[in-house]
Structures are given as C-alpha cells and as structure tokens.
C-alpha cells in the first residue's frame, strides 16, 4: 500500500525517456496513491520547454509530453502550497542544503506524512532533496541514489 510523493525530477521521467524512466513507471503503477505539490506543474512546464531549448525534443514532442502530463495531472493528489507548507519549507531550507522549490517539495511530503499518519515514499532524483528527505524521516526512492 505505498503512498508516493513524487517530485518533478522523478515525474518528468514519466514523460521524457531517460535513465530511470522505466523504474518511475513501475513505482507509480505500484502505488495506491501518488501525489505532488502544485508547483510541479510549473516545474514540468519549465523542464519540457528546456528539452526544446537543448534540442533534446522537438517542439511537437515537448507539446505532446506536456499534453499527456496535463491529461494525467488530475490522477495525482495535488498538494496545495499553503502558508503551513511555506513556513515548513523555510525552516527546512535552513536545516538542509535545499533550493527553494526543493524545500517546498520536502515540506509538502513531510506535512502529507504527518497529516495521513502513515509512511510516505519520497521519489526524487535530486541528491540534496533525497538526502534531506531521508534525514527528515521519509522513505526515499530510489534506494541507492546517494551511491550513484
């Protein structure tokens, strides 16, 4: 019965074929619930537009990935960026070496875990967020990211 909090670095692998994409697909399929922060929508748009600027995707490929993401967006639990989340994120940014949106992702996952009173798996390919998530008491995925 896993509940997965998936940040953008992991979720983008569902829409952009790269290392770890198959594993992300399996993880999402195995979850009872998958959720993310509302900021993921903005980060996903930025990530997909970046694939075009870097000439990794054509504009039409990026648009197709974006449209697929938007179609599947409602299947995710979308966690609001509330004052409580911002306050927690600010505290976590001081505690761990995190960028702003990564602190929001961590705060969202931690508060979700506290609210549900059950373990949450934090899926991320960001090493700093992965490490902070483990230290903050979340189960982190993939298991060996820090060793890569």
Protein backbone atom coordinates (compact mmCIF):
# COMPACT_ATOMS: atom_id res chain seq x y z
CA UNK A 1 0.00 0.00 0.00
CA UNK A 2 2.63 2.59 -0.85
CA UNK A 3 1.83 6.27 -0.96
CA UNK A 4 4.29 8.10 -3.19
CA UNK A 5 5.19 11.76 -3.13
CA UNK A 6 6.82 12.35 -6.49
CA UNK A 7 8.85 15.47 -7.19
CA UNK A 8 9.41 16.88 -10.65
CA UNK A 9 12.83 15.28 -11.14
CA UNK A 10 11.14 11.88 -10.88
CA UNK A 11 7.82 12.71 -12.55
CA UNK A 12 9.46 14.16 -15.65
CA UNK A 13 10.90 10.69 -16.31
CA UNK A 14 7.37 9.50 -16.99
CA UNK A 15 7.17 11.89 -19.95
CA UNK A 16 10.79 12.10 -21.10
CA UNK A 17 12.56 8.84 -21.85
CA UNK A 18 15.82 8.84 -19.90
CA UNK A 19 17.67 6.78 -17.33
CA UNK A 20 15.22 5.69 -14.64
CA UNK A 21 12.07 6.18 -16.72
CA UNK A 22 11.04 2.53 -16.57
CA UNK A 23 11.60 2.41 -12.82
CA UNK A 24 9.45 5.51 -12.32
CA UNK A 25 6.65 3.93 -14.38
CA UNK A 26 6.79 0.79 -12.20
CA UNK A 27 6.83 2.80 -8.98
CA UNK A 28 3.80 4.86 -9.96
CA UNK A 29 1.88 1.74 -11.03
CA UNK A 30 2.67 0.06 -7.69
CA UNK A 31 1.38 2.98 -5.62
CA UNK A 32 -2.02 3.14 -4.03
CA UNK A 33 -1.76 6.92 -4.18
CA UNK A 34 0.67 9.28 -5.85
CA UNK A 35 0.85 12.94 -5.06
CA UNK A 36 2.89 16.02 -5.68
CA UNK A 37 2.87 19.75 -5.00
CA UNK A 38 1.07 22.23 -7.22
CA UNK A 39 4.49 23.72 -8.03
CA UNK A 40 5.24 20.58 -10.03
CA UNK A 41 3.02 21.87 -12.81
CA UNK A 42 5.25 24.93 -13.25
CA UNK A 43 8.43 22.89 -12.92
CA UNK A 44 7.18 20.39 -15.50
CA UNK A 45 6.47 23.18 -17.99
CA UNK A 46 9.97 24.54 -17.42
CA UNK A 47 11.57 21.10 -17.77
CA UNK A 48 9.76 20.29 -21.01
CA UNK A 49 10.46 23.69 -22.53
CA UNK A 50 14.11 23.18 -21.61
CA UNK A 51 14.18 19.93 -23.62
CA UNK A 52 13.30 22.01 -26.69
CA UNK A 53 15.93 24.70 -25.99
CA UNK A 54 18.54 21.98 -25.53
CA UNK A 55 17.32 20.32 -28.75
CA UNK A 56 16.55 17.05 -26.93
CA UNK A 57 12.89 17.23 -28.02
CA UNK A 58 11.24 18.90 -30.94
CA UNK A 59 8.58 21.46 -30.10
CA UNK A 60 5.88 18.97 -31.11
CA UNK A 61 7.39 16.20 -28.93
CA UNK A 62 7.53 18.53 -25.93
CA UNK A 63 3.97 19.67 -26.57
CA UNK A 64 2.79 16.06 -26.76
CA UNK A 65 4.55 15.25 -23.46
CA UNK A 66 3.01 18.37 -21.88
CA UNK A 67 -0.48 17.45 -23.08
CA UNK A 68 -0.08 13.90 -21.75
CA UNK A 69 1.07 15.32 -18.40
CA UNK A 70 -1.93 17.69 -18.27
CA UNK A 71 -4.29 14.82 -19.11
CA UNK A 72 -2.86 12.72 -16.25
CA UNK A 73 -2.46 15.64 -13.79
CA UNK A 74 -5.86 15.07 -12.17
CA UNK A 75 -4.90 11.47 -11.29
CA UNK A 76 -2.33 12.82 -8.82
CA UNK A 77 -3.15 14.08 -5.37
CA UNK A 78 -2.15 17.72 -5.72
CA UNK A 79 -0.91 19.25 -2.50
CA UNK A 80 -1.61 22.96 -2.09
CA UNK A 81 1.19 25.35 -1.31
CA UNK A 82 -0.35 26.75 1.86
CA UNK A 83 1.10 29.07 4.47
CA UNK A 84 1.84 25.99 6.57
CA UNK A 85 3.86 24.47 3.72
CA UNK A 86 5.75 27.71 3.09
CA UNK A 87 6.59 28.07 6.79
CA UNK A 88 7.81 24.47 6.96
CA UNK A 89 9.75 24.88 3.70
CA UNK A 90 11.51 27.96 5.05
CA UNK A 91 12.53 26.04 8.15
CA UNK A 92 13.71 23.05 6.10
CA UNK A 93 15.72 25.34 3.79
CA UNK A 94 17.69 26.48 6.85
CA UNK A 95 18.07 22.93 8.12
CA UNK A 96 19.14 21.26 4.86
CA UNK A 97 21.03 22.49 1.78
CA UNK A 98 17.94 22.84 -0.42
CA UNK A 99 16.87 25.18 -3.20
CA UNK A 100 13.53 26.93 -2.69
CA UNK A 101 11.22 24.65 -4.66
CA UNK A 102 13.01 21.56 -3.31
CA UNK A 103 12.27 22.80 0.21
CA UNK A 104 8.60 23.17 -0.81
CA UNK A 105 8.60 19.59 -2.14
CA UNK A 106 10.12 18.30 1.09
CA UNK A 107 7.72 20.29 3.25
CA UNK A 108 4.77 19.02 1.20
CA UNK A 109 5.86 15.39 1.61
CA UNK A 110 6.58 15.77 5.34
CA UNK A 111 3.29 17.53 6.08
CA UNK A 112 1.40 14.94 3.98
CA UNK A 113 3.03 12.17 6.01
CA UNK A 114 2.14 13.89 9.28
CA UNK A 115 -1.44 14.53 8.14
CA UNK A 116 -2.05 10.98 6.94
CA UNK A 117 -0.14 9.46 9.85
CA UNK A 118 1.37 6.89 7.51
CA UNK A 119 4.69 6.47 5.76
CA UNK A 120 5.25 8.38 2.55
CA UNK A 121 7.82 7.43 -0.05
CA UNK A 122 9.62 10.45 -1.49
CA UNK A 123 10.53 9.74 -5.12
CA UNK A 124 13.24 12.08 -6.34
CA UNK A 125 16.38 12.05 -8.44
CA UNK A 126 17.69 15.21 -6.79
CA UNK A 127 20.51 14.15 -4.47
CA UNK A 128 20.10 17.03 -1.99
CA UNK A 129 16.34 16.51 -1.73
CA UNK A 130 16.81 12.74 -1.47
CA UNK A 131 19.29 13.15 1.39
CA UNK A 132 17.15 15.74 3.19
CA UNK A 133 14.08 13.53 2.81
CA UNK A 134 15.86 10.59 4.43
CA UNK A 135 17.04 12.81 7.29
CA UNK A 136 13.54 14.23 7.72
CA UNK A 137 12.08 10.75 8.27
CA UNK A 138 10.68 9.90 4.85
CA UNK A 139 11.34 6.70 2.95
CA UNK A 140 13.34 7.77 -0.10
CA UNK A 141 13.34 6.27 -3.57
CA UNK A 142 15.36 5.11 -5.39
CA UNK A 143 17.07 3.31 -2.53
CA UNK A 144 20.63 3.87 -3.72
CA UNK A 145 20.54 7.35 -5.24
CA UNK A 146 23.25 8.63 -2.94
CA UNK A 147 25.59 5.90 -4.19
CA UNK A 148 25.26 6.82 -7.89
